[in-house]
Amino acid sequence: MFGMRAWPTPFLRPMWPFMVGAGMTFYLVNAAQNAMLQSDEFKNSPKNPHRISSTPAAH
């Protein structure tokens, strides 16, 4: 009586292009971000989480 009813509505068939597009967008944005973090301009930036610090970390 309460809750979600089981309607015979297709979900994956009409939505698969959007799911594939979302996966591709996530992958490409991640690849672009990693490439930018490794570029010469941002390699030594203090905002870069992958920066190799020349000073040892304080204990």
PDB file of N, CA and C in Angstrom:
ATOM      1  N   MET A   1       0.817  -1.179   0.000  1.00  0.00           N
ATOM      2  CA  MET A   1       0.000   0.000   0.000  1.00  0.00           C
ATOM      3  C   MET A   1       0.869   1.254   0.000  1.00  0.00           C
ATOM      4  N   PHE A   2       1.845   1.296   0.885  1.00  0.00           N
ATOM      5  CA  PHE A   2       2.715   2.464   0.938  1.00  0.00           C
ATOM      6  C   PHE A   2       4.070   2.122   0.320  1.00  0.00           C
ATOM      7  N   GLY A   3       4.815   3.129  -0.027  1.00  0.00           N
ATOM      8  CA  GLY A   3       6.139   2.908  -0.595  1.00  0.00           C
ATOM      9  C   GLY A   3       6.105   2.989  -2.111  1.00  0.00           C
ATOM     10  N   MET A   4       7.171   2.509  -2.705  1.00  0.00           N
ATOM     11  CA  MET A   4       7.292   2.567  -4.162  1.00  0.00           C
ATOM     12  C   MET A   4       6.600   1.367  -4.794  1.00  0.00           C
ATOM     13  N   ARG A   5       5.869   1.608  -5.838  1.00  0.00           N
ATOM     14  CA  ARG A   5       5.234   0.525  -6.572  1.00  0.00           C
ATOM     15  C   ARG A   5       6.167   0.047  -7.674  1.00  0.00           C
ATOM     16  N   ALA A   6       6.014  -1.184  -8.034  1.00  0.00           N
ATOM     17  CA  ALA A   6       6.835  -1.764  -9.090  1.00  0.00           C
ATOM     18  C   ALA A   6       6.145  -1.549 -10.431  1.00  0.00           C
ATOM     19  N   TRP A   7       6.527  -0.496 -11.117  1.00  0.00           N
ATOM     20  CA  TRP A   7       5.983  -0.238 -12.441  1.00  0.00           C
ATOM     21  C   TRP A   7       6.910  -0.866 -13.476  1.00  0.00           C
ATOM     22  N   PRO A   8       6.370  -1.423 -14.521  1.00  0.00           N
ATOM     23  CA  PRO A   8       7.223  -2.019 -15.554  1.00  0.00           C
ATOM     24  C   PRO A   8       7.826  -0.941 -16.466  1.00  0.00           C
ATOM     25  N   THR A   9       8.570  -0.040 -15.881  1.00  0.00           N
ATOM     26  CA  THR A   9       9.155   1.068 -16.627  1.00  0.00           C
ATOM     27  C   THR A   9      10.617   0.758 -16.915  1.00  0.00           C
ATOM     28  N   PRO A  10      11.041   0.847 -18.164  1.00  0.00           N
ATOM     29  CA  PRO A  10      12.459   0.601 -18.451  1.00  0.00           C
ATOM     30  C   PRO A  10      13.316   1.736 -17.896  1.00  0.00           C
ATOM     31  N   PHE A  11      14.412   1.374 -17.287  1.00  0.00           N
ATOM     32  CA  PHE A  11      15.294   2.382 -16.707  1.00  0.00           C
ATOM     33  C   PHE A  11      16.654   2.405 -17.407  1.00  0.00           C
ATOM     34  N   LEU A  12      17.273   1.253 -17.531  1.00  0.00           N
ATOM     35  CA  LEU A  12      18.616   1.223 -18.095  1.00  0.00           C
ATOM     36  C   LEU A  12      18.627   1.475 -19.596  1.00  0.00           C
ATOM     37  N   ARG A  13      17.644   1.007 -20.297  1.00  0.00           N
ATOM     38  CA  ARG A  13      17.644   1.159 -21.752  1.00  0.00           C
ATOM     39  C   ARG A  13      17.632   2.626 -22.183  1.00  0.00           C
ATOM     40  N   PRO A  14      16.792   3.498 -21.644  1.00  0.00           N
ATOM     41  CA  PRO A  14      16.857   4.892 -22.094  1.00  0.00           C
ATOM     42  C   PRO A  14      17.948   5.713 -21.400  1.00  0.00           C
ATOM     43  N   MET A  15      18.482   5.225 -20.290  1.00  0.00           N
ATOM     44  CA  MET A  15      19.444   6.023 -19.532  1.00  0.00           C
ATOM     45  C   MET A  15      20.899   5.666 -19.799  1.00  0.00           C
ATOM     46  N   TRP A  16      21.180   4.594 -20.553  1.00  0.00           N
ATOM     47  CA  TRP A  16      22.564   4.176 -20.712  1.00  0.00           C
ATOM     48  C   TRP A  16      23.443   5.218 -21.389  1.00  0.00           C
ATOM     49  N   PRO A  17      22.968   6.022 -22.352  1.00  0.00           N
ATOM     50  CA  PRO A  17      23.875   7.033 -22.919  1.00  0.00           C
ATOM     51  C   PRO A  17      24.311   8.076 -21.887  1.00  0.00           C
ATOM     52  N   PHE A  18      23.420   8.420 -20.973  1.00  0.00           N
ATOM     53  CA  PHE A  18      23.760   9.400 -19.948  1.00  0.00           C
ATOM     54  C   PHE A  18      24.740   8.812 -18.935  1.00  0.00           C
ATOM     55  N   MET A  19      24.581   7.543 -18.611  1.00  0.00           N
ATOM     56  CA  MET A  19      25.508   6.892 -17.688  1.00  0.00           C
ATOM     57  C   MET A  19      26.897   6.769 -18.303  1.00  0.00           C
ATOM     58  N   VAL A  20      26.955   6.411 -19.579  1.00  0.00           N
ATOM     59  CA  VAL A  20      28.248   6.318 -20.262  1.00  0.00           C
ATOM     60  C   VAL A  20      28.885   7.700 -20.362  1.00  0.00           C
ATOM     61  N   GLY A  21      28.089   8.710 -20.682  1.00  0.00           N
ATOM     62  CA  GLY A  21      28.603  10.075 -20.762  1.00  0.00           C
ATOM     63  C   GLY A  21      29.119  10.577 -19.427  1.00  0.00           C
ATOM     64  N   ALA A  22      28.425  10.244 -18.353  1.00  0.00           N
ATOM     65  CA  ALA A  22      28.878  10.655 -17.022  1.00  0.00           C
ATOM     66  C   ALA A  22      30.199   9.975 -16.672  1.00  0.00           C
ATOM     67  N   GLY A  23      30.327   8.705 -17.002  1.00  0.00           N
ATOM     68  CA  GLY A  23      31.581   7.996 -16.747  1.00  0.00           C
ATOM     69  C   GLY A  23      32.734   8.564 -17.552  1.00  0.00           C
ATOM     70  N   MET A  24      32.483   8.865 -18.822  1.00  0.00           N
ATOM     71  CA  MET A  24      33.528   9.449 -19.664  1.00  0.00           C
ATOM     72  C   MET A  24      33.926  10.832 -19.172  1.00  0.00           C
ATOM     73  N   THR A  25      32.950  11.629 -18.762  1.00  0.00           N
ATOM     74  CA  THR A  25      33.244  12.971 -18.259  1.00  0.00           C
ATOM     75  C   THR A  25      34.079  12.893 -16.991  1.00  0.00           C
ATOM     76  N   PHE A  26      33.713  12.003 -16.077  1.00  0.00           N
ATOM     77  CA  PHE A  26      34.476  11.837 -14.842  1.00  0.00           C
ATOM     78  C   PHE A  26      35.910  11.426 -15.147  1.00  0.00           C
ATOM     79  N   TYR A  27      36.089  10.471 -16.060  1.00  0.00           N
ATOM     80  CA  TYR A  27      37.427   9.989 -16.397  1.00  0.00           C
ATOM     81  C   TYR A  27      38.263  11.087 -17.048  1.00  0.00           C
ATOM     82  N   LEU A  28      37.688  11.819 -18.001  1.00  0.00           N
ATOM     83  CA  LEU A  28      38.445  12.842 -18.721  1.00  0.00           C
ATOM     84  C   LEU A  28      38.792  14.037 -17.829  1.00  0.00           C
ATOM     85  N   VAL A  29      37.879  14.443 -16.960  1.00  0.00           N
ATOM     86  CA  VAL A  29      38.180  15.543 -16.040  1.00  0.00           C
ATOM     87  C   VAL A  29      39.276  15.116 -15.069  1.00  0.00           C
ATOM     88  N   ASN A  30      39.228  13.885 -14.596  1.00  0.00           N
ATOM     89  CA  ASN A  30      40.255  13.373 -13.698  1.00  0.00           C
ATOM     90  C   ASN A  30      41.609  13.315 -14.402  1.00  0.00           C
ATOM     91  N   ALA A  31      41.634  12.864 -15.647  1.00  0.00           N
ATOM     92  CA  ALA A  31      42.889  12.806 -16.395  1.00  0.00           C
ATOM     93  C   ALA A  31      43.449  14.203 -16.640  1.00  0.00           C
ATOM     94  N   ALA A  32      42.587  15.160 -16.969  1.00  0.00           N
ATOM     95  CA  ALA A  32      43.044  16.531 -17.197  1.00  0.00           C
ATOM     96  C   ALA A  32      43.585  17.141 -15.907  1.00  0.00           C
ATOM     97  N   GLN A  33      42.930  16.880 -14.796  1.00  0.00           N
ATOM     98  CA  GLN A  33      43.387  17.424 -13.515  1.00  0.00           C
ATOM     99  C   GLN A  33      44.746  16.847 -13.136  1.00  0.00           C
ATOM    100  N   ASN A  34      44.926  15.554 -13.320  1.00  0.00           N
ATOM    101  CA  ASN A  34      46.217  14.947 -13.000  1.00  0.00           C
ATOM    102  C   ASN A  34      47.312  15.469 -13.920  1.00  0.00           C
ATOM    103  N   ALA A  35      46.995  15.696 -15.188  1.00  0.00           N
ATOM    104  CA  ALA A  35      47.986  16.241 -16.116  1.00  0.00           C
ATOM    105  C   ALA A  35      48.368  17.665 -15.724  1.00  0.00           C
ATOM    106  N   MET A  36      47.407  18.452 -15.290  1.00  0.00           N
ATOM    107  CA  MET A  36      47.710  19.824 -14.879  1.00  0.00           C
ATOM    108  C   MET A  36      48.543  19.852 -13.599  1.00  0.00           C
ATOM    109  N   LEU A  37      48.297  18.924 -12.681  1.00  0.00           N
ATOM    110  CA  LEU A  37      49.079  18.893 -11.448  1.00  0.00           C
ATOM    111  C   LEU A  37      50.531  18.526 -11.714  1.00  0.00           C
ATOM    112  N   GLN A  38      50.799  17.791 -12.784  1.00  0.00           N
ATOM    113  CA  GLN A  38      52.159  17.385 -13.111  1.00  0.00           C
ATOM    114  C   GLN A  38      52.865  18.368 -14.033  1.00  0.00           C
ATOM    115  N   SER A  39      52.180  19.425 -14.487  1.00  0.00           N
ATOM    116  CA  SER A  39      52.803  20.385 -15.399  1.00  0.00           C
ATOM    117  C   SER A  39      53.831  21.231 -14.652  1.00  0.00           C
ATOM    118  N   ASP A  40      54.732  21.854 -15.421  1.00  0.00           N
ATOM    119  CA  ASP A  40      55.801  22.647 -14.811  1.00  0.00           C
ATOM    120  C   ASP A  40      55.262  23.849 -14.045  1.00  0.00           C
ATOM    121  N   GLU A  41      54.152  24.392 -14.498  1.00  0.00           N
ATOM    122  CA  GLU A  41      53.606  25.589 -13.864  1.00  0.00           C
ATOM    123  C   GLU A  41      53.119  25.318 -12.436  1.00  0.00           C
ATOM    124  N   PHE A  42      52.533  24.156 -12.222  1.00  0.00           N
ATOM    125  CA  PHE A  42      51.933  23.852 -10.919  1.00  0.00           C
ATOM    126  C   PHE A  42      52.698  22.791 -10.138  1.00  0.00           C
ATOM    127  N   LYS A  43      53.828  22.331 -10.661  1.00  0.00           N
ATOM    128  CA  LYS A  43      54.548  21.239 -10.009  1.00  0.00           C
ATOM    129  C   LYS A  43      55.039  21.626  -8.616  1.00  0.00           C
ATOM    130  N   ASN A  44      55.484  22.868  -8.441  1.00  0.00           N
ATOM    131  CA  ASN A  44      56.019  23.305  -7.147  1.00  0.00           C
ATOM    132  C   ASN A  44      55.082  24.243  -6.405  1.00  0.00           C
ATOM    133  N   SER A  45      53.834  24.296  -6.807  1.00  0.00           N
ATOM    134  CA  SER A  45      52.868  25.166  -6.146  1.00  0.00           C
ATOM    135  C   SER A  45      52.540  24.626  -4.756  1.00  0.00           C
ATOM    136  N   PRO A  46      52.421  25.487  -3.758  1.00  0.00           N
ATOM    137  CA  PRO A  46      52.051  24.992  -2.422  1.00  0.00           C
ATOM    138  C   PRO A  46      50.636  24.431  -2.362  1.00  0.00           C
ATOM    139  N   LYS A  47      49.805  24.741  -3.340  1.00  0.00           N
ATOM    140  CA  LYS A  47      48.441  24.201  -3.368  1.00  0.00           C
ATOM    141  C   LYS A  47      48.390  22.793  -3.950  1.00  0.00           C
ATOM    142  N   ASN A  48      49.480  22.340  -4.551  1.00  0.00           N
ATOM    143  CA  ASN A  48      49.516  21.030  -5.184  1.00  0.00           C
ATOM    144  C   ASN A  48      49.650  19.951  -4.106  1.00  0.00           C
ATOM    145  N   PRO A  49      48.686  19.035  -3.982  1.00  0.00           N
ATOM    146  CA  PRO A  49      48.776  18.003  -2.945  1.00  0.00           C
ATOM    147  C   PRO A  49      49.852  16.961  -3.238  1.00  0.00           C
ATOM    148  N   HIS A  50      50.329  16.871  -4.492  1.00  0.00           N
ATOM    149  CA  HIS A  50      51.343  15.890  -4.870  1.00  0.00           C
ATOM    150  C   HIS A  50      52.740  16.503  -4.922  1.00  0.00           C
ATOM    151  N   ARG A  51      52.890  17.716  -4.399  1.00  0.00           N
ATOM    152  CA  ARG A  51      54.174  18.412  -4.440  1.00  0.00           C
ATOM    153  C   ARG A  51      55.157  17.706  -3.527  1.00  0.00           C
ATOM    154  N   ILE A  52      56.379  17.575  -3.996  1.00  0.00           N
ATOM    155  CA  ILE A  52      57.435  16.988  -3.180  1.00  0.00           C
ATOM    156  C   ILE A  52      58.113  18.130  -2.442  1.00  0.00           C
ATOM    157  N   SER A  53      57.990  18.120  -1.150  1.00  0.00           N
ATOM    158  CA  SER A  53      58.528  19.196  -0.328  1.00  0.00           C
ATOM    159  C   SER A  53      60.033  19.023  -0.173  1.00  0.00           C
ATOM    160  N   SER A  54      60.767  20.136  -0.251  1.00  0.00           N
ATOM    161  CA  SER A  54      62.220  20.079  -0.084  1.00  0.00           C
ATOM    162  C   SER A  54      62.604  20.070   1.392  1.00  0.00           C
ATOM    163  N   THR A  55      61.718  20.540   2.257  1.00  0.00           N
ATOM    164  CA  THR A  55      61.987  20.519   3.691  1.00  0.00           C
ATOM    165  C   THR A  55      61.298  19.310   4.310  1.00  0.00           C
ATOM    166  N   PRO A  56      61.945  18.662   5.263  1.00  0.00           N
ATOM    167  CA  PRO A  56      61.290  17.507   5.890  1.00  0.00           C
ATOM    168  C   PRO A  56      60.082  17.951   6.715  1.00  0.00           C
ATOM    169  N   ALA A  57      59.125  17.100   6.785  1.00  0.00           N
ATOM    170  CA  ALA A  57      57.903  17.415   7.532  1.00  0.00           C
ATOM    171  C   ALA A  57      58.210  17.463   9.023  1.00  0.00           C
ATOM    172  N   ALA A  58      57.634  18.425   9.693  1.00  0.00           N
ATOM    173  CA  ALA A  58      57.833  18.550  11.141  1.00  0.00           C
ATOM    174  C   ALA A  58      57.086  17.435  11.859  1.00  0.00           C
ATOM    175  N   HIS A  59      57.643  17.027  12.955  1.00  0.00           N
ATOM    176  CA  HIS A  59      57.021  15.930  13.686  1.00  0.00           C
ATOM    177  C   HIS A  59      55.996  16.440  14.586  1.00  0.00           C
TER     178      HIS A  59
END
